[in-house]
């Protein structure tokens, strides 16, 4: 059976890039995985490893090493490189990569200029990097995956606090993928019914969970890879539904629930209470200010 999607590009052969490529190979719904990395040897090594997996599984997906300039024929490109820097931050941990990762994303954005496919950004701070890539490249279909991961963690955590199945919880985390994430507690439902959300416990767990993952295995990889695959399925029209992705909403690049129908998104922001609306405004101001520090020549609308 011929896979429904042509090629998917993966930029970055680190922990997340490897996990994304592995998941794409195992799922088998793209014909090619095009891999590039800052070091050609890393991309070639990952391709060799994927070839072994392809042979063992009899997978229909062919991996190949390439460069960013040759990814314009891909249906989608996943951007997940990370610049070399030591992150010593204890607060705003994801924002610590701002100045280190910005030049890398700018260079990739220039190489992707004119690209018409879907771009899924993973590199942190993902909301700022998504905006940077979109504005420098001119690409029209750019999405960041942070709030999707946050929402999954929220639903898992709340389900455990309330001792209910995670599938019974509906609710969103929006805004920044970071310390200013907004938990939409007022519209959260369990089995379709309103519920009292223990916000202090939820925020503590959302802060602690990534630290536990990083301390145990070095870096989160499976969750982000899952968020990427969910984003690709929605944006490429393989599956309809609601997913939280970073997009430009009224001049603000932030995590927002989007309802996808055959690959076409519609914003479906939930009703916010006064506190949640204030938190979202704070997140917007923070993200605009961060963007201004790396692109002072750009507009800083919303500051």
C-alpha atoms as a PDB file:
ATOM      1  CA  UNK A   1       0.000   0.000   0.000  1.00  0.00           C
ATOM      2  CA  UNK A   2       1.369   3.415  -0.962  1.00  0.00           C
ATOM      3  CA  UNK A   3       1.625   5.801   2.019  1.00  0.00           C
ATOM      4  CA  UNK A   4      -0.711   8.832   1.749  1.00  0.00           C
ATOM      5  CA  UNK A   5       2.031  11.439   2.336  1.00  0.00           C
ATOM      6  CA  UNK A   6       5.122  11.958   0.185  1.00  0.00           C
ATOM      7  CA  UNK A   7       8.200  13.179   2.059  1.00  0.00           C
ATOM      8  CA  UNK A   8       8.509  14.612   5.568  1.00  0.00           C
ATOM      9  CA  UNK A   9      11.684  16.530   6.364  1.00  0.00           C
ATOM     10  CA  UNK A  10      13.315  16.372   9.784  1.00  0.00           C
ATOM     11  CA  UNK A  11      15.787  19.146  10.603  1.00  0.00           C
ATOM     12  CA  UNK A  12      17.874  18.071  13.573  1.00  0.00           C
ATOM     13  CA  UNK A  13      19.174  14.600  14.442  1.00  0.00           C
ATOM     14  CA  UNK A  14      19.236  15.006  18.216  1.00  0.00           C
ATOM     15  CA  UNK A  15      16.930  13.421  20.786  1.00  0.00           C
ATOM     16  CA  UNK A  16      13.686  14.822  19.388  1.00  0.00           C
ATOM     17  CA  UNK A  17      14.685  14.488  15.734  1.00  0.00           C
ATOM     18  CA  UNK A  18      15.578  10.843  16.269  1.00  0.00           C
ATOM     19  CA  UNK A  19      12.273  10.176  18.050  1.00  0.00           C
ATOM     20  CA  UNK A  20      10.262  11.923  15.334  1.00  0.00           C
ATOM     21  CA  UNK A  21      12.029  10.003  12.556  1.00  0.00           C
ATOM     22  CA  UNK A  22      11.609   6.695  14.387  1.00  0.00           C
ATOM     23  CA  UNK A  23       7.884   7.372  14.896  1.00  0.00           C
ATOM     24  CA  UNK A  24       7.396   8.303  11.254  1.00  0.00           C
ATOM     25  CA  UNK A  25       9.109   5.087  10.177  1.00  0.00           C
ATOM     26  CA  UNK A  26       7.006   2.983  12.565  1.00  0.00           C
ATOM     27  CA  UNK A  27       3.740   4.640  11.476  1.00  0.00           C
ATOM     28  CA  UNK A  28       4.473   4.215   7.782  1.00  0.00           C
ATOM     29  CA  UNK A  29       2.261   6.982   6.419  1.00  0.00           C
ATOM     30  CA  UNK A  30       4.970   8.891   4.555  1.00  0.00           C
ATOM     31  CA  UNK A  31       7.013   7.584   1.616  1.00  0.00           C
ATOM     32  CA  UNK A  32      10.252   9.322   2.611  1.00  0.00           C
ATOM     33  CA  UNK A  33      11.935  10.776   5.658  1.00  0.00           C
ATOM     34  CA  UNK A  34      14.439  13.437   4.600  1.00  0.00           C
ATOM     35  CA  UNK A  35      16.954  14.096   7.399  1.00  0.00           C
ATOM     36  CA  UNK A  36      19.419  16.929   7.821  1.00  0.00           C
ATOM     37  CA  UNK A  37      21.525  18.104  10.732  1.00  0.00           C
ATOM     38  CA  UNK A  38      24.183  20.638  11.603  1.00  0.00           C
ATOM     39  CA  UNK A  39      26.655  17.780  11.276  1.00  0.00           C
ATOM     40  CA  UNK A  40      26.339  15.713   8.098  1.00  0.00           C
ATOM     41  CA  UNK A  41      27.695  12.670   9.937  1.00  0.00           C
ATOM     42  CA  UNK A  42      24.770  12.824  12.386  1.00  0.00           C
ATOM     43  CA  UNK A  43      22.190  12.875   9.587  1.00  0.00           C
ATOM     44  CA  UNK A  44      23.928  10.014   7.772  1.00  0.00           C
ATOM     45  CA  UNK A  45      24.136   7.964  10.975  1.00  0.00           C
ATOM     46  CA  UNK A  46      20.442   8.458  11.717  1.00  0.00           C
ATOM     47  CA  UNK A  47      19.541   7.460   8.158  1.00  0.00           C
ATOM     48  CA  UNK A  48      21.632   4.297   8.491  1.00  0.00           C
ATOM     49  CA  UNK A  49      19.858   3.453  11.747  1.00  0.00           C
ATOM     50  CA  UNK A  50      16.466   4.101  10.104  1.00  0.00           C
ATOM     51  CA  UNK A  51      17.435   1.867   7.178  1.00  0.00           C
ATOM     52  CA  UNK A  52      17.994  -0.964   9.639  1.00  0.00           C
ATOM     53  CA  UNK A  53      14.556  -0.335  11.122  1.00  0.00           C
ATOM     54  CA  UNK A  54      12.966  -0.136   7.678  1.00  0.00           C
ATOM     55  CA  UNK A  55      14.395  -3.510   6.715  1.00  0.00           C
ATOM     56  CA  UNK A  56      13.394  -5.167   9.972  1.00  0.00           C
ATOM     57  CA  UNK A  57       9.814  -3.872   9.823  1.00  0.00           C
ATOM     58  CA  UNK A  58       9.341  -4.120   6.077  1.00  0.00           C
ATOM     59  CA  UNK A  59       8.281  -0.472   6.290  1.00  0.00           C
ATOM     60  CA  UNK A  60       7.183   1.415   3.147  1.00  0.00           C
ATOM     61  CA  UNK A  61       9.142   4.520   4.194  1.00  0.00           C
ATOM     62  CA  UNK A  62      12.591   5.309   2.750  1.00  0.00           C
ATOM     63  CA  UNK A  63      15.029   7.472   4.744  1.00  0.00           C
ATOM     64  CA  UNK A  64      17.572   9.720   3.068  1.00  0.00           C
ATOM     65  CA  UNK A  65      20.096  12.346   4.128  1.00  0.00           C
ATOM     66  CA  UNK A  66      19.702  15.740   2.499  1.00  0.00           C
ATOM     67  CA  UNK A  67      20.026  19.474   3.136  1.00  0.00           C
ATOM     68  CA  UNK A  68      17.447  22.141   3.976  1.00  0.00           C
ATOM     69  CA  UNK A  69      17.596  23.637   0.485  1.00  0.00           C
ATOM     70  CA  UNK A  70      16.437  20.303  -0.956  1.00  0.00           C
ATOM     71  CA  UNK A  71      13.416  19.975   1.345  1.00  0.00           C
ATOM     72  CA  UNK A  72      11.107  22.185  -0.692  1.00  0.00           C
ATOM     73  CA  UNK A  73       9.461  19.109  -2.198  1.00  0.00           C
ATOM     74  CA  UNK A  74       8.486  17.771   1.242  1.00  0.00           C
ATOM     75  CA  UNK A  75       4.843  17.824   2.314  1.00  0.00           C
ATOM     76  CA  UNK A  76       5.982  18.930   5.769  1.00  0.00           C
ATOM     77  CA  UNK A  77       9.179  19.883   7.552  1.00  0.00           C
ATOM     78  CA  UNK A  78       9.801  19.373  11.274  1.00  0.00           C
ATOM     79  CA  UNK A  79      12.201  21.907  12.809  1.00  0.00           C
ATOM     80  CA  UNK A  80      13.831  20.529  15.966  1.00  0.00           C
ATOM     81  CA  UNK A  81      17.523  21.519  16.122  1.00  0.00           C
ATOM     82  CA  UNK A  82      19.056  22.937  19.278  1.00  0.00           C
ATOM     83  CA  UNK A  83      22.080  25.212  19.456  1.00  0.00           C
ATOM     84  CA  UNK A  84      24.905  24.269  21.794  1.00  0.00           C
ATOM     85  CA  UNK A  85      24.458  26.062  25.109  1.00  0.00           C
ATOM     86  CA  UNK A  86      24.309  25.159  28.779  1.00  0.00           C
ATOM     87  CA  UNK A  87      20.910  25.791  30.316  1.00  0.00           C
ATOM     88  CA  UNK A  88      21.346  26.712  33.969  1.00  0.00           C
ATOM     89  CA  UNK A  89      17.944  28.405  34.371  1.00  0.00           C
ATOM     90  CA  UNK A  90      15.671  27.307  37.196  1.00  0.00           C
ATOM     91  CA  UNK A  91      12.754  29.470  36.035  1.00  0.00           C
ATOM     92  CA  UNK A  92      11.677  30.216  32.464  1.00  0.00           C
ATOM     93  CA  UNK A  93      13.776  27.206  31.477  1.00  0.00           C
ATOM     94  CA  UNK A  94      12.531  27.047  27.883  1.00  0.00           C
ATOM     95  CA  UNK A  95      13.114  30.780  27.375  1.00  0.00           C
ATOM     96  CA  UNK A  96      16.807  30.254  28.226  1.00  0.00           C
ATOM     97  CA  UNK A  97      17.443  29.096  24.655  1.00  0.00           C
ATOM     98  CA  UNK A  98      16.156  32.344  23.129  1.00  0.00           C
ATOM     99  CA  UNK A  99      19.408  34.032  22.112  1.00  0.00           C
ATOM    100  CA  UNK A 100      21.231  30.753  21.416  1.00  0.00           C
ATOM    101  CA  UNK A 101      18.584  29.250  19.126  1.00  0.00           C
ATOM    102  CA  UNK A 102      17.425  32.421  17.343  1.00  0.00           C
ATOM    103  CA  UNK A 103      20.385  32.652  14.883  1.00  0.00           C
ATOM    104  CA  UNK A 104      19.980  28.968  14.039  1.00  0.00           C
ATOM    105  CA  UNK A 105      16.250  29.362  13.331  1.00  0.00           C
ATOM    106  CA  UNK A 106      16.854  32.524  11.292  1.00  0.00           C
ATOM    107  CA  UNK A 107      19.338  30.696   9.075  1.00  0.00           C
ATOM    108  CA  UNK A 108      16.927  27.796   8.576  1.00  0.00           C
ATOM    109  CA  UNK A 109      14.100  30.225   7.842  1.00  0.00           C
ATOM    110  CA  UNK A 110      16.112  31.855   5.060  1.00  0.00           C
ATOM    111  CA  UNK A 111      16.845  28.426   3.559  1.00  0.00           C
ATOM    112  CA  UNK A 112      13.105  27.625   3.686  1.00  0.00           C
ATOM    113  CA  UNK A 113      12.086  30.890   2.000  1.00  0.00           C
ATOM    114  CA  UNK A 114       9.246  30.228  -0.441  1.00  0.00           C
ATOM    115  CA  UNK A 115       8.449  26.797   1.009  1.00  0.00           C
ATOM    116  CA  UNK A 116       4.722  26.081   0.589  1.00  0.00           C
ATOM    117  CA  UNK A 117       4.286  23.037   2.836  1.00  0.00           C
ATOM    118  CA  UNK A 118       3.624  22.620   6.543  1.00  0.00           C
ATOM    119  CA  UNK A 119       6.334  23.606   9.023  1.00  0.00           C
ATOM    120  CA  UNK A 120       6.150  22.171  12.552  1.00  0.00           C
ATOM    121  CA  UNK A 121       8.479  23.883  15.038  1.00  0.00           C
ATOM    122  CA  UNK A 122       9.747  22.156  18.192  1.00  0.00           C
ATOM    123  CA  UNK A 123      12.823  24.247  19.072  1.00  0.00           C
ATOM    124  CA  UNK A 124      12.375  26.289  22.265  1.00  0.00           C
ATOM    125  CA  UNK A 125      11.205  28.826  23.145  1.00  0.00           C
ATOM    126  CA  UNK A 126       8.779  27.373  20.631  1.00  0.00           C
ATOM    127  CA  UNK A 127       6.256  30.229  20.484  1.00  0.00           C
ATOM    128  CA  UNK A 128       8.970  32.800  19.725  1.00  0.00           C
ATOM    129  CA  UNK A 129      10.847  30.483  17.350  1.00  0.00           C
ATOM    130  CA  UNK A 130       7.638  29.722  15.418  1.00  0.00           C
ATOM    131  CA  UNK A 131       7.024  33.422  14.882  1.00  0.00           C
ATOM    132  CA  UNK A 132      10.649  34.027  13.946  1.00  0.00           C
ATOM    133  CA  UNK A 133      10.663  31.246  11.370  1.00  0.00           C
ATOM    134  CA  UNK A 134       7.356  32.368   9.870  1.00  0.00           C
ATOM    135  CA  UNK A 135       8.286  36.038   9.587  1.00  0.00           C
ATOM    136  CA  UNK A 136      11.802  35.489   8.221  1.00  0.00           C
ATOM    137  CA  UNK A 137      10.837  32.711   5.796  1.00  0.00           C
ATOM    138  CA  UNK A 138       7.446  34.013   4.685  1.00  0.00           C
ATOM    139  CA  UNK A 139       6.047  30.472   5.069  1.00  0.00           C
ATOM    140  CA  UNK A 140       2.289  30.561   5.581  1.00  0.00           C
ATOM    141  CA  UNK A 141       1.714  27.233   7.356  1.00  0.00           C
ATOM    142  CA  UNK A 142       3.912  27.358  10.451  1.00  0.00           C
ATOM    143  CA  UNK A 143       2.855  25.682  13.702  1.00  0.00           C
ATOM    144  CA  UNK A 144       4.562  25.243  17.086  1.00  0.00           C
ATOM    145  CA  UNK A 145       3.804  22.208  19.244  1.00  0.00           C
ATOM    146  CA  UNK A 146       4.331  23.377  22.846  1.00  0.00           C
ATOM    147  CA  UNK A 147       0.754  23.837  24.044  1.00  0.00           C
ATOM    148  CA  UNK A 148      -0.240  20.432  22.718  1.00  0.00           C
ATOM    149  CA  UNK A 149       2.307  18.806  25.039  1.00  0.00           C
ATOM    150  CA  UNK A 150       1.168  21.036  27.925  1.00  0.00           C
ATOM    151  CA  UNK A 151      -2.459  20.073  27.345  1.00  0.00           C
ATOM    152  CA  UNK A 152      -1.649  16.362  27.353  1.00  0.00           C
ATOM    153  CA  UNK A 153       0.270  16.768  30.623  1.00  0.00           C
ATOM    154  CA  UNK A 154      -2.607  18.759  32.108  1.00  0.00           C
ATOM    155  CA  UNK A 155      -5.182  16.104  31.285  1.00  0.00           C
ATOM    156  CA  UNK A 156      -2.959  13.310  32.630  1.00  0.00           C
ATOM    157  CA  UNK A 157      -2.244  15.200  35.855  1.00  0.00           C
ATOM    158  CA  UNK A 158      -5.829  16.275  36.496  1.00  0.00           C
ATOM    159  CA  UNK A 159      -7.075  12.746  35.870  1.00  0.00           C
ATOM    160  CA  UNK A 160      -4.675  11.439  38.511  1.00  0.00           C
ATOM    161  CA  UNK A 161      -5.647  14.121  41.017  1.00  0.00           C
ATOM    162  CA  UNK A 162      -9.337  13.337  40.510  1.00  0.00           C
ATOM    163  CA  UNK A 163      -8.837   9.571  40.129  1.00  0.00           C
ATOM    164  CA  UNK A 164     -10.623   9.417  36.778  1.00  0.00           C
ATOM    165  CA  UNK A 165      -9.539   8.114  33.340  1.00  0.00           C
ATOM    166  CA  UNK A 166      -7.497  10.639  31.368  1.00  0.00           C
ATOM    167  CA  UNK A 167      -9.796  10.143  28.367  1.00  0.00           C
ATOM    168  CA  UNK A 168     -12.689  11.534  30.416  1.00  0.00           C
ATOM    169  CA  UNK A 169     -10.948  14.918  30.827  1.00  0.00           C
ATOM    170  CA  UNK A 170     -11.359  17.710  28.285  1.00  0.00           C
ATOM    171  CA  UNK A 171      -9.541  20.989  28.768  1.00  0.00           C
ATOM    172  CA  UNK A 172      -6.812  23.140  27.267  1.00  0.00           C
ATOM    173  CA  UNK A 173      -3.531  24.786  28.157  1.00  0.00           C
ATOM    174  CA  UNK A 174      -2.891  27.815  25.947  1.00  0.00           C
ATOM    175  CA  UNK A 175      -0.613  30.838  25.640  1.00  0.00           C
ATOM    176  CA  UNK A 176       3.103  30.340  26.242  1.00  0.00           C
ATOM    177  CA  UNK A 177       4.782  26.944  26.347  1.00  0.00           C
ATOM    178  CA  UNK A 178       6.535  27.914  29.551  1.00  0.00           C
ATOM    179  CA  UNK A 179       5.986  29.537  32.923  1.00  0.00           C
ATOM    180  CA  UNK A 180       3.158  31.711  31.576  1.00  0.00           C
ATOM    181  CA  UNK A 181       1.079  28.815  30.279  1.00  0.00           C
ATOM    182  CA  UNK A 182      -2.640  29.396  30.875  1.00  0.00           C
ATOM    183  CA  UNK A 183      -4.682  26.517  32.253  1.00  0.00           C
ATOM    184  CA  UNK A 184      -8.272  26.912  31.027  1.00  0.00           C
ATOM    185  CA  UNK A 185      -9.782  25.574  34.241  1.00  0.00           C
ATOM    186  CA  UNK A 186     -13.124  27.339  33.856  1.00  0.00           C
ATOM    187  CA  UNK A 187     -14.017  25.311  30.745  1.00  0.00           C
ATOM    188  CA  UNK A 188     -12.425  22.012  31.804  1.00  0.00           C
ATOM    189  CA  UNK A 189     -14.874  19.121  31.898  1.00  0.00           C
ATOM    190  CA  UNK A 190     -14.827  15.553  33.229  1.00  0.00           C
ATOM    191  CA  UNK A 191     -17.280  13.298  31.407  1.00  0.00           C
ATOM    192  CA  UNK A 192     -18.810  16.472  30.026  1.00  0.00           C
ATOM    193  CA  UNK A 193     -19.465  17.991  33.464  1.00  0.00           C
ATOM    194  CA  UNK A 194     -17.786  21.034  35.086  1.00  0.00           C
ATOM    195  CA  UNK A 195     -15.197  20.150  37.692  1.00  0.00           C
ATOM    196  CA  UNK A 196     -13.223  21.887  40.423  1.00  0.00           C
ATOM    197  CA  UNK A 197      -9.620  22.049  39.207  1.00  0.00           C
ATOM    198  CA  UNK A 198      -6.938  22.058  41.942  1.00  0.00           C
ATOM    199  CA  UNK A 199      -4.981  24.766  40.167  1.00  0.00           C
ATOM    200  CA  UNK A 200      -2.104  24.998  42.637  1.00  0.00           C
ATOM    201  CA  UNK A 201      -1.442  21.273  42.356  1.00  0.00           C
ATOM    202  CA  UNK A 202      -1.841  21.345  38.569  1.00  0.00           C
ATOM    203  CA  UNK A 203       0.626  24.202  38.089  1.00  0.00           C
ATOM    204  CA  UNK A 204       3.123  22.500  40.407  1.00  0.00           C
ATOM    205  CA  UNK A 205       2.894  19.270  38.424  1.00  0.00           C
ATOM    206  CA  UNK A 206       3.156  21.023  35.042  1.00  0.00           C
ATOM    207  CA  UNK A 207       6.334  22.681  36.309  1.00  0.00           C
ATOM    208  CA  UNK A 208       7.775  19.534  37.901  1.00  0.00           C
ATOM    209  CA  UNK A 209       6.975  16.967  35.209  1.00  0.00           C
ATOM    210  CA  UNK A 210       9.484  18.126  32.528  1.00  0.00           C
ATOM    211  CA  UNK A 211      12.177  18.460  35.211  1.00  0.00           C
ATOM    212  CA  UNK A 212      11.619  14.849  36.281  1.00  0.00           C
ATOM    213  CA  UNK A 213      11.859  13.704  32.673  1.00  0.00           C
ATOM    214  CA  UNK A 214      15.029  15.684  32.034  1.00  0.00           C
ATOM    215  CA  UNK A 215      16.678  14.490  35.227  1.00  0.00           C
ATOM    216  CA  UNK A 216      15.850  10.870  34.478  1.00  0.00           C
ATOM    217  CA  UNK A 217      16.630  10.561  30.755  1.00  0.00           C
ATOM    218  CA  UNK A 218      18.394  13.805  29.849  1.00  0.00           C
ATOM    219  CA  UNK A 219      15.686  15.338  27.655  1.00  0.00           C
ATOM    220  CA  UNK A 220      12.041  14.880  26.790  1.00  0.00           C
ATOM    221  CA  UNK A 221      11.725  13.170  23.431  1.00  0.00           C
ATOM    222  CA  UNK A 222       8.718  10.834  23.297  1.00  0.00           C
ATOM    223  CA  UNK A 223       6.173  13.485  24.302  1.00  0.00           C
ATOM    224  CA  UNK A 224       7.444  16.087  21.829  1.00  0.00           C
ATOM    225  CA  UNK A 225       7.601  13.441  19.093  1.00  0.00           C
ATOM    226  CA  UNK A 226       4.007  12.491  19.827  1.00  0.00           C
ATOM    227  CA  UNK A 227       3.011  16.155  19.638  1.00  0.00           C
ATOM    228  CA  UNK A 228       4.755  16.447  16.262  1.00  0.00           C
ATOM    229  CA  UNK A 229       2.975  13.400  14.836  1.00  0.00           C
ATOM    230  CA  UNK A 230      -0.385  14.664  16.101  1.00  0.00           C
ATOM    231  CA  UNK A 231       0.320  18.037  14.476  1.00  0.00           C
ATOM    232  CA  UNK A 232       1.328  16.403  11.182  1.00  0.00           C
ATOM    233  CA  UNK A 233      -1.789  14.231  11.099  1.00  0.00           C
ATOM    234  CA  UNK A 234      -3.981  17.297  11.621  1.00  0.00           C
ATOM    235  CA  UNK A 235      -2.171  19.738   9.326  1.00  0.00           C
ATOM    236  CA  UNK A 236      -1.744  17.218   6.486  1.00  0.00           C
ATOM    237  CA  UNK A 237      -5.427  16.249   6.592  1.00  0.00           C
ATOM    238  CA  UNK A 238      -4.916  12.696   7.818  1.00  0.00           C
ATOM    239  CA  UNK A 239      -7.157  13.166  10.854  1.00  0.00           C
ATOM    240  CA  UNK A 240      -9.747  15.772  11.834  1.00  0.00           C
ATOM    241  CA  UNK A 241     -10.085  17.131  15.352  1.00  0.00           C
ATOM    242  CA  UNK A 242      -8.965  19.778  17.830  1.00  0.00           C
ATOM    243  CA  UNK A 243      -5.307  20.248  18.698  1.00  0.00           C
ATOM    244  CA  UNK A 244      -3.477  23.016  20.564  1.00  0.00           C
ATOM    245  CA  UNK A 245      -0.773  24.578  18.375  1.00  0.00           C
ATOM    246  CA  UNK A 246       1.096  27.865  18.298  1.00  0.00           C
ATOM    247  CA  UNK A 247      -0.158  30.078  15.468  1.00  0.00           C
ATOM    248  CA  UNK A 248      -0.619  33.770  14.757  1.00  0.00           C
ATOM    249  CA  UNK A 249      -3.935  34.744  16.323  1.00  0.00           C
ATOM    250  CA  UNK A 250      -4.769  38.429  15.858  1.00  0.00           C
ATOM    251  CA  UNK A 251      -1.089  39.387  15.887  1.00  0.00           C
ATOM    252  CA  UNK A 252      -0.182  37.138  18.811  1.00  0.00           C
ATOM    253  CA  UNK A 253       1.907  34.005  18.307  1.00  0.00           C
ATOM    254  CA  UNK A 254       0.683  31.699  21.057  1.00  0.00           C
ATOM    255  CA  UNK A 255      -0.698  28.264  21.778  1.00  0.00           C
ATOM    256  CA  UNK A 256      -4.319  28.117  20.638  1.00  0.00           C
ATOM    257  CA  UNK A 257      -6.852  25.290  20.150  1.00  0.00           C
ATOM    258  CA  UNK A 258      -7.432  24.723  16.430  1.00  0.00           C
ATOM    259  CA  UNK A 259     -10.147  22.599  14.878  1.00  0.00           C
ATOM    260  CA  UNK A 260      -8.792  20.900  11.752  1.00  0.00           C
ATOM    261  CA  UNK A 261     -11.040  19.708   8.949  1.00  0.00           C
ATOM    262  CA  UNK A 262      -9.232  18.116   5.990  1.00  0.00           C
ATOM    263  CA  UNK A 263      -6.089  19.998   6.961  1.00  0.00           C
ATOM    264  CA  UNK A 264      -7.760  23.406   7.295  1.00  0.00           C
ATOM    265  CA  UNK A 265      -7.631  25.043  10.762  1.00  0.00           C
ATOM    266  CA  UNK A 266     -10.261  27.130  12.525  1.00  0.00           C
ATOM    267  CA  UNK A 267      -9.442  28.866  15.814  1.00  0.00           C
ATOM    268  CA  UNK A 268     -11.674  27.594  18.630  1.00  0.00           C
ATOM    269  CA  UNK A 269     -10.436  29.488  21.682  1.00  0.00           C
ATOM    270  CA  UNK A 270     -12.551  28.544  24.717  1.00  0.00           C
ATOM    271  CA  UNK A 271     -14.374  31.152  26.765  1.00  0.00           C
ATOM    272  CA  UNK A 272     -11.983  32.511  29.392  1.00  0.00           C
ATOM    273  CA  UNK A 273     -12.872  33.852  32.805  1.00  0.00           C
ATOM    274  CA  UNK A 274     -11.382  37.190  33.884  1.00  0.00           C
ATOM    275  CA  UNK A 275      -8.328  35.634  35.535  1.00  0.00           C
ATOM    276  CA  UNK A 276      -7.548  33.442  32.523  1.00  0.00           C
ATOM    277  CA  UNK A 277      -7.939  36.400  30.138  1.00  0.00           C
ATOM    278  CA  UNK A 278      -5.487  38.426  32.246  1.00  0.00           C
ATOM    279  CA  UNK A 279      -3.018  35.530  32.265  1.00  0.00           C
ATOM    280  CA  UNK A 280      -3.244  35.222  28.486  1.00  0.00           C
ATOM    281  CA  UNK A 281      -2.593  38.957  28.089  1.00  0.00           C
ATOM    282  CA  UNK A 282       0.467  38.599  30.343  1.00  0.00           C
ATOM    283  CA  UNK A 283       1.721  35.706  28.206  1.00  0.00           C
ATOM    284  CA  UNK A 284       1.243  37.754  25.040  1.00  0.00           C
ATOM    285  CA  UNK A 285       3.233  40.662  26.478  1.00  0.00           C
ATOM    286  CA  UNK A 286       6.021  38.353  27.566  1.00  0.00           C
ATOM    287  CA  UNK A 287       6.271  36.669  24.151  1.00  0.00           C
ATOM    288  CA  UNK A 288       6.226  40.002  22.290  1.00  0.00           C
ATOM    289  CA  UNK A 289       8.984  41.344  24.562  1.00  0.00           C
ATOM    290  CA  UNK A 290      11.092  38.213  24.016  1.00  0.00           C
ATOM    291  CA  UNK A 291      10.674  38.506  20.258  1.00  0.00           C
ATOM    292  CA  UNK A 292      11.735  42.155  20.347  1.00  0.00           C
ATOM    293  CA  UNK A 293      15.053  41.235  21.962  1.00  0.00           C
ATOM    294  CA  UNK A 294      16.072  39.034  19.019  1.00  0.00           C
ATOM    295  CA  UNK A 295      14.525  41.073  16.180  1.00  0.00           C
ATOM    296  CA  UNK A 296      14.548  44.725  17.272  1.00  0.00           C
ATOM    297  CA  UNK A 297      13.874  45.838  13.698  1.00  0.00           C
ATOM    298  CA  UNK A 298      10.533  43.969  13.660  1.00  0.00           C
ATOM    299  CA  UNK A 299       7.259  45.344  14.928  1.00  0.00           C
ATOM    300  CA  UNK A 300       6.564  44.608  18.582  1.00  0.00           C
ATOM    301  CA  UNK A 301       2.804  44.941  18.316  1.00  0.00           C
ATOM    302  CA  UNK A 302       1.058  44.289  21.587  1.00  0.00           C
ATOM    303  CA  UNK A 303       3.863  45.549  23.908  1.00  0.00           C
END
